[in-house]
Amino acid sequence: IGFGDWLDLKSAKVEHPAEGYDAILCIGNSFTTLPDFEGEKRTHQRALQNFRALLKVGGVLIIDHRNFDYTLAHKTYPPNSHESIYYNSDRVFNIRTDLVEEEGRVFKLIFKSEMDVSD
C-alpha cells in the first residue's frame, strides 16, 4: 500500500512491483474531486493513464463514485447514506457534508465524521 500524487505516480516514494499492481482503489469520491483546472478533465485523464501504467495485465481499477452527483445537487449526502456499507458502524457518527461555493460553482467538498476509537 502506498501513497503518491496521482498525476505523477512514477516518482512517488513507493517501490512499485515490477509486474504491476493487481488492483488500484480510489475510494471516497477521491477521483471525482480531482481538480479540473482546464475544464477539459485533463487531470482525470492523466491520472487514469498513470493508473493503467501501474496495473499488471488483467489488473483492476476500482473508482468509488459515492453519490457525488446527488451531493452536489442537494448540498448534502442522500438520506440514510450513513446506514450504507461505507459508514455502517456504531463507532461512526455525526456524518456531515459541507460544500464551499465560489461564483455559483462548488469548488470544495468537505466530508466530516467522527469516530469512537475507544476499546
Protein backbone atom coordinates (compact mmCIF):
# COMPACT_ATOMS: atom_id res chain seq x y z
CA ILE A 1 0.00 0.00 0.00
CA GLY A 2 1.38 3.37 -0.93
CA PHE A 3 0.52 6.99 -1.42
CA GLY A 4 1.50 9.39 -4.17
CA ASP A 5 0.41 12.23 -6.40
CA TRP A 6 -1.90 10.60 -8.93
CA LEU A 7 -0.60 12.94 -11.61
CA ASP A 8 2.99 11.79 -11.07
CA LEU A 9 2.78 8.28 -9.60
CA LYS A 10 6.04 7.01 -11.05
CA SER A 11 8.04 9.42 -8.89
CA ALA A 12 6.15 8.60 -5.66
CA LYS A 13 8.36 7.41 -2.83
CA VAL A 14 6.90 3.93 -3.15
CA GLU A 15 8.56 0.84 -4.53
CA HIS A 16 6.17 -0.30 -7.25
CA PRO A 17 6.11 -4.02 -8.09
CA ALA A 18 7.86 -4.64 -11.41
CA GLU A 19 4.94 -6.75 -12.72
CA GLY A 20 2.39 -4.06 -11.70
CA TYR A 21 -0.40 -3.97 -9.16
CA ASP A 22 -3.29 -6.43 -9.04
CA ALA A 23 -5.64 -3.57 -8.15
CA ILE A 24 -5.75 0.16 -7.60
CA LEU A 25 -8.55 1.55 -5.44
CA CYS A 26 -9.79 5.14 -5.45
CA ILE A 27 -12.24 5.39 -2.58
CA GLY A 28 -14.49 8.04 -1.08
CA ASN A 29 -15.05 10.20 -4.20
CA SER A 30 -11.34 10.91 -4.32
CA PHE A 31 -11.26 10.61 -8.12
CA THR A 32 -14.31 12.79 -8.71
CA THR A 33 -12.80 15.56 -6.61
CA LEU A 34 -9.59 15.84 -8.60
CA PRO A 35 -9.16 19.46 -9.72
CA ASP A 36 -10.11 20.23 -13.31
CA PHE A 37 -8.12 23.41 -13.88
CA GLU A 38 -8.53 23.48 -17.66
CA GLY A 39 -12.17 22.42 -17.66
CA GLU A 40 -11.39 19.53 -20.00
CA LYS A 41 -10.85 16.70 -17.48
CA ARG A 42 -7.12 16.60 -18.33
CA THR A 43 -6.13 15.80 -14.76
CA HIS A 44 -8.61 12.90 -14.69
CA GLN A 45 -7.28 11.55 -17.98
CA ARG A 46 -3.69 11.86 -16.78
CA ALA A 47 -4.50 10.05 -13.53
CA LEU A 48 -6.23 7.25 -15.48
CA GLN A 49 -3.17 6.88 -17.72
CA ASN A 50 -0.93 6.68 -14.66
CA PHE A 51 -3.15 4.06 -13.03
CA ARG A 52 -3.11 2.00 -16.21
CA ALA A 53 0.67 2.18 -16.40
CA LEU A 54 0.94 0.79 -12.86
CA LEU A 55 -1.56 -2.06 -13.22
CA LYS A 56 -0.43 -5.52 -14.23
CA VAL A 57 -2.06 -7.10 -17.26
CA GLY A 58 -5.54 -8.09 -16.10
CA GLY A 59 -5.32 -5.74 -13.10
CA VAL A 60 -8.39 -3.92 -11.84
CA LEU A 61 -9.03 -0.22 -11.26
CA ILE A 62 -11.93 0.49 -8.89
CA ILE A 63 -13.25 4.05 -8.64
CA ASP A 64 -15.74 4.76 -5.89
CA HIS A 65 -18.25 7.35 -7.10
CA ARG A 66 -20.32 7.61 -3.95
CA ASN A 67 -23.50 9.64 -4.57
CA PHE A 68 -21.37 12.55 -5.75
CA ASP A 69 -23.93 13.94 -8.21
CA TYR A 70 -26.64 13.87 -5.53
CA THR A 71 -24.32 15.57 -3.06
CA LEU A 72 -23.52 18.40 -5.47
CA ALA A 73 -27.16 18.88 -6.47
CA HIS A 74 -28.59 18.81 -2.93
CA LYS A 75 -25.56 20.02 -0.97
CA THR A 76 -25.76 17.04 1.38
CA TYR A 77 -25.39 13.28 1.31
CA PRO A 78 -28.53 11.29 0.47
CA PRO A 79 -30.91 10.45 3.31
CA ASN A 80 -29.82 7.37 5.24
CA SER A 81 -26.43 7.24 3.47
CA HIS A 82 -24.87 6.90 6.92
CA GLU A 83 -26.54 3.48 7.03
CA SER A 84 -24.75 2.31 3.90
CA ILE A 85 -21.92 -0.20 3.88
CA TYR A 86 -19.38 2.64 3.94
CA TYR A 87 -20.46 4.03 7.28
CA ASN A 88 -22.25 1.05 8.78
CA SER A 89 -20.69 1.13 12.22
CA ASP A 90 -21.77 2.02 15.72
CA ARG A 91 -18.48 3.87 16.02
CA VAL A 92 -19.05 6.41 13.23
CA PHE A 93 -21.36 9.33 14.00
CA ASN A 94 -22.04 12.97 13.20
CA ILE A 95 -21.58 12.42 9.47
CA ARG A 96 -21.96 15.70 7.61
CA THR A 97 -21.04 17.39 4.37
CA ASP A 98 -20.01 20.97 3.64
CA LEU A 99 -19.82 22.34 0.12
CA VAL A 100 -17.84 25.51 -0.50
CA GLU A 101 -19.00 27.54 -3.48
CA GLU A 102 -17.39 30.35 -5.40
CA GLU A 103 -19.17 32.26 -8.16
CA GLY A 104 -22.02 29.76 -8.10
CA ARG A 105 -19.77 26.69 -8.55
CA VAL A 106 -18.85 24.13 -5.95
CA PHE A 107 -15.07 24.04 -5.67
CA LYS A 108 -14.61 22.14 -2.43
CA LEU A 109 -16.48 19.29 -0.79
CA ILE A 110 -15.66 18.70 2.86
CA PHE A 111 -16.73 15.39 4.36
CA LYS A 112 -16.70 15.27 8.13
CA SER A 113 -17.42 12.48 10.53
CA GLU A 114 -16.44 11.45 13.99
CA MET A 115 -15.35 8.00 15.11
CA ASP A 116 -15.22 6.40 18.52
CA VAL A 117 -11.87 4.59 18.71
CA SER A 118 -12.09 3.51 22.33
CA ASP A 119 -11.89 -0.17 23.25
